[in-house]
Structure formats: C-alpha cells, structure tokens
N, C-alpha and C. Protein backbone atom coordinates (compact mmCIF):
# COMPACT_ATOMS: atom_id res chain seq x y z
N MET A 1 -6.46 11.30 2.69
CA MET A 1 -5.77 10.96 3.91
C MET A 1 -4.33 11.48 3.83
N LYS A 2 -3.84 12.01 4.92
CA LYS A 2 -2.48 12.53 4.97
C LYS A 2 -1.49 11.36 4.96
N CYS A 3 -0.46 11.49 4.14
CA CYS A 3 0.56 10.44 4.10
C CYS A 3 1.95 11.07 4.16
N ASP A 4 2.91 10.29 4.59
CA ASP A 4 4.29 10.76 4.70
C ASP A 4 5.12 10.38 3.49
N MET A 5 4.68 9.34 2.77
CA MET A 5 5.43 8.86 1.61
C MET A 5 4.47 8.17 0.65
N GLU A 6 4.81 8.21 -0.64
CA GLU A 6 4.02 7.52 -1.67
C GLU A 6 4.87 6.46 -2.35
N LEU A 7 4.20 5.36 -2.70
CA LEU A 7 4.84 4.28 -3.46
C LEU A 7 3.92 3.96 -4.64
N ASN A 8 4.40 4.19 -5.84
CA ASN A 8 3.61 3.93 -7.04
C ASN A 8 4.00 2.56 -7.60
N VAL A 9 3.03 1.65 -7.59
CA VAL A 9 3.27 0.30 -8.12
C VAL A 9 2.39 0.04 -9.35
N CYS A 10 1.98 1.11 -10.00
CA CYS A 10 1.17 0.97 -11.22
C CYS A 10 1.95 0.19 -12.28
N GLY A 11 1.24 -0.69 -12.97
CA GLY A 11 1.87 -1.49 -14.01
C GLY A 11 2.50 -2.78 -13.50
N LEU A 12 2.53 -2.95 -12.18
CA LEU A 12 3.11 -4.16 -11.59
C LEU A 12 2.01 -5.11 -11.17
N VAL A 13 2.28 -6.40 -11.28
CA VAL A 13 1.29 -7.42 -10.89
C VAL A 13 1.80 -8.20 -9.69
N CYS A 14 0.88 -8.90 -9.05
CA CYS A 14 1.18 -9.66 -7.83
C CYS A 14 2.25 -10.72 -8.12
N PRO A 15 3.14 -10.93 -7.18
CA PRO A 15 3.19 -10.41 -5.82
C PRO A 15 4.06 -9.17 -5.65
N VAL A 16 4.52 -8.57 -6.73
CA VAL A 16 5.47 -7.45 -6.65
C VAL A 16 4.94 -6.26 -5.83
N PRO A 17 3.69 -5.82 -6.02
CA PRO A 17 3.23 -4.69 -5.20
C PRO A 17 3.31 -4.95 -3.69
N ALA A 18 2.95 -6.14 -3.26
CA ALA A 18 3.02 -6.47 -1.82
C ALA A 18 4.47 -6.49 -1.35
N LEU A 19 5.36 -7.06 -2.13
CA LEU A 19 6.77 -7.13 -1.75
C LEU A 19 7.38 -5.74 -1.63
N LYS A 20 7.09 -4.87 -2.60
CA LYS A 20 7.62 -3.51 -2.57
C LYS A 20 7.03 -2.72 -1.40
N THR A 21 5.74 -2.96 -1.10
CA THR A 21 5.10 -2.27 0.02
C THR A 21 5.75 -2.67 1.33
N LYS A 22 5.94 -3.96 1.54
CA LYS A 22 6.59 -4.45 2.76
C LYS A 22 8.00 -3.88 2.91
N LYS A 23 8.75 -3.88 1.82
CA LYS A 23 10.12 -3.38 1.84
C LYS A 23 10.15 -1.90 2.22
N GLN A 24 9.23 -1.12 1.64
CA GLN A 24 9.19 0.31 1.93
C GLN A 24 8.79 0.57 3.38
N LEU A 25 7.80 -0.16 3.87
CA LEU A 25 7.35 0.02 5.26
C LEU A 25 8.45 -0.31 6.26
N MET A 26 9.30 -1.27 5.93
CA MET A 26 10.41 -1.64 6.81
C MET A 26 11.41 -0.49 6.98
N LYS A 27 11.49 0.37 5.98
CA LYS A 27 12.43 1.50 6.00
C LYS A 27 11.86 2.71 6.74
N MET A 28 10.56 2.71 6.98
CA MET A 28 9.89 3.89 7.53
C MET A 28 9.84 3.87 9.06
N ARG A 29 9.78 5.07 9.63
CA ARG A 29 9.67 5.20 11.08
C ARG A 29 8.28 4.76 11.53
N PRO A 30 8.17 4.16 12.70
CA PRO A 30 6.85 3.77 13.23
C PRO A 30 5.94 5.00 13.33
N GLY A 31 4.69 4.80 12.95
CA GLY A 31 3.70 5.88 13.00
C GLY A 31 3.58 6.67 11.71
N THR A 32 4.50 6.47 10.78
CA THR A 32 4.40 7.18 9.50
C THR A 32 3.47 6.41 8.56
N VAL A 33 2.88 7.15 7.62
CA VAL A 33 1.87 6.57 6.72
C VAL A 33 2.39 6.51 5.29
N LEU A 34 2.21 5.34 4.69
CA LEU A 34 2.59 5.10 3.30
C LEU A 34 1.34 5.00 2.44
N LYS A 35 1.33 5.75 1.34
CA LYS A 35 0.25 5.67 0.36
C LYS A 35 0.77 4.85 -0.81
N VAL A 36 0.08 3.74 -1.11
CA VAL A 36 0.47 2.86 -2.21
C VAL A 36 -0.55 3.02 -3.32
N ILE A 37 -0.07 3.32 -4.52
CA ILE A 37 -0.95 3.55 -5.67
C ILE A 37 -0.81 2.39 -6.65
N THR A 38 -1.95 1.80 -7.02
CA THR A 38 -1.94 0.71 -8.00
C THR A 38 -3.06 0.90 -9.01
N ASP A 39 -2.86 0.36 -10.20
CA ASP A 39 -3.90 0.36 -11.23
C ASP A 39 -4.34 -1.07 -11.52
N TYR A 40 -3.97 -1.99 -10.63
CA TYR A 40 -4.24 -3.42 -10.81
C TYR A 40 -5.16 -3.88 -9.69
N LYS A 41 -6.44 -4.11 -10.02
CA LYS A 41 -7.45 -4.43 -9.02
C LYS A 41 -7.06 -5.57 -8.09
N PRO A 42 -6.53 -6.70 -8.60
CA PRO A 42 -6.15 -7.78 -7.69
C PRO A 42 -5.14 -7.33 -6.62
N ALA A 43 -4.27 -6.38 -6.96
CA ALA A 43 -3.30 -5.88 -5.97
C ALA A 43 -4.01 -5.10 -4.87
N SER A 44 -5.11 -4.43 -5.21
CA SER A 44 -5.84 -3.66 -4.19
C SER A 44 -6.44 -4.58 -3.13
N GLU A 45 -6.57 -5.85 -3.46
CA GLU A 45 -7.10 -6.84 -2.51
C GLU A 45 -5.97 -7.65 -1.87
N SER A 46 -4.96 -8.02 -2.66
CA SER A 46 -3.92 -8.90 -2.14
C SER A 46 -2.91 -8.17 -1.25
N VAL A 47 -2.63 -6.91 -1.55
CA VAL A 47 -1.64 -6.19 -0.73
C VAL A 47 -2.13 -6.06 0.71
N PRO A 48 -3.35 -5.57 0.95
CA PRO A 48 -3.83 -5.51 2.35
C PRO A 48 -3.89 -6.89 3.01
N ARG A 49 -4.26 -7.89 2.24
CA ARG A 49 -4.33 -9.26 2.79
C ARG A 49 -2.94 -9.76 3.19
N ASP A 50 -1.94 -9.52 2.34
CA ASP A 50 -0.57 -9.93 2.65
C ASP A 50 0.00 -9.14 3.83
N LEU A 51 -0.30 -7.85 3.88
CA LEU A 51 0.22 -7.00 4.95
C LEU A 51 -0.46 -7.30 6.28
N ALA A 52 -1.63 -7.92 6.25
CA ALA A 52 -2.32 -8.29 7.49
C ALA A 52 -1.51 -9.33 8.28
N LYS A 53 -0.59 -10.00 7.60
CA LYS A 53 0.27 -11.00 8.24
C LYS A 53 1.46 -10.34 8.96
N THR A 54 1.58 -9.01 8.83
CA THR A 54 2.66 -8.27 9.47
C THR A 54 2.05 -7.39 10.56
N LYS A 55 2.89 -6.63 11.23
CA LYS A 55 2.39 -5.71 12.27
C LYS A 55 1.89 -4.40 11.69
N HIS A 56 2.21 -4.11 10.43
CA HIS A 56 1.81 -2.85 9.81
C HIS A 56 0.29 -2.79 9.70
N LYS A 57 -0.26 -1.57 9.85
CA LYS A 57 -1.71 -1.39 9.87
C LYS A 57 -2.23 -0.89 8.53
N HIS A 58 -3.25 -1.56 8.00
CA HIS A 58 -3.95 -1.09 6.81
C HIS A 58 -4.99 -0.07 7.27
N LEU A 59 -4.84 1.16 6.83
CA LEU A 59 -5.73 2.23 7.28
C LEU A 59 -6.93 2.42 6.37
N GLY A 60 -6.89 1.82 5.18
CA GLY A 60 -8.01 1.94 4.26
C GLY A 60 -7.56 1.97 2.82
N THR A 61 -8.53 1.81 1.93
CA THR A 61 -8.28 1.82 0.49
C THR A 61 -9.34 2.68 -0.17
N ASP A 62 -8.93 3.56 -1.07
CA ASP A 62 -9.84 4.40 -1.84
C ASP A 62 -9.69 4.06 -3.32
N PHE A 63 -10.82 4.02 -4.03
CA PHE A 63 -10.78 3.84 -5.49
C PHE A 63 -11.01 5.20 -6.13
N ILE A 64 -10.08 5.62 -6.97
CA ILE A 64 -10.18 6.89 -7.68
C ILE A 64 -10.67 6.59 -9.08
N GLU A 65 -11.97 6.77 -9.27
CA GLU A 65 -12.62 6.36 -10.52
C GLU A 65 -12.06 7.07 -11.74
N ASP A 66 -11.79 8.38 -11.63
CA ASP A 66 -11.29 9.15 -12.78
C ASP A 66 -9.96 8.59 -13.30
N ASP A 67 -9.11 8.14 -12.38
CA ASP A 67 -7.79 7.63 -12.77
C ASP A 67 -7.76 6.11 -12.86
N GLU A 68 -8.84 5.45 -12.43
CA GLU A 68 -8.90 3.99 -12.34
C GLU A 68 -7.70 3.47 -11.56
N GLN A 69 -7.51 4.06 -10.38
CA GLN A 69 -6.42 3.67 -9.50
C GLN A 69 -6.96 3.45 -8.10
N TRP A 70 -6.25 2.62 -7.34
CA TRP A 70 -6.57 2.37 -5.95
C TRP A 70 -5.47 2.98 -5.11
N TYR A 71 -5.85 3.70 -4.06
CA TYR A 71 -4.91 4.26 -3.10
C TYR A 71 -5.06 3.47 -1.80
N MET A 72 -4.02 2.81 -1.39
CA MET A 72 -4.03 2.02 -0.15
C MET A 72 -3.13 2.74 0.86
N TYR A 73 -3.57 2.80 2.08
CA TYR A 73 -2.84 3.51 3.12
C TYR A 73 -2.43 2.53 4.22
N PHE A 74 -1.15 2.59 4.59
CA PHE A 74 -0.61 1.72 5.62
C PHE A 74 0.20 2.54 6.62
N GLU A 75 0.08 2.18 7.89
CA GLU A 75 0.89 2.81 8.92
C GLU A 75 2.03 1.87 9.27
N ALA A 76 3.25 2.40 9.26
CA ALA A 76 4.42 1.59 9.61
C ALA A 76 4.41 1.32 11.11
N VAL A 77 4.64 0.08 11.48
CA VAL A 77 4.71 -0.33 12.88
C VAL A 77 6.01 -1.10 13.06
N LYS A 78 6.73 -0.82 14.11
CA LYS A 78 8.00 -1.50 14.36
C LYS A 78 7.77 -2.90 14.86
C-alpha cells in the first residue's frame, strides 16, 4: 500500500505504539497515509483498536512473515 510517511515502533510495547501513532497522525495533513511498523503482536491489535476511538481511518494491517513484523496503515483525518 502506498504511504506518505513511516513510523517504526519496533521494540516498543503498549501503550507507546498507539500514543506515538496518534501523535504522528495529528501532525499529518488530512488524506495522507501513515505506515506503522511493529514487531509486537499485541500492538498490531491494540493500535487499530485505540485509533478507532479517533477520526483517523485504519486502512488495514499486513503481517510480513519473513520479518515477523506487522504493517498497519492509517489515513490522517482532521
């Protein structure tokens, strides 16, 4: 998926990935896409759940088996 910015939160545990994702999305222009990379499975579930409480849109999550990482995509909404 095409993204405008990447945020690597590998090595971080909840709730830090969600907090960093929210902070980054607040800085972005509406309509731009943020790719969030994590290696922590619980974050791949909690970040979209936490962001569902905001206006930002979760566009999907991909698991990259070779790297054992999750790529989460969010669209910034004002």
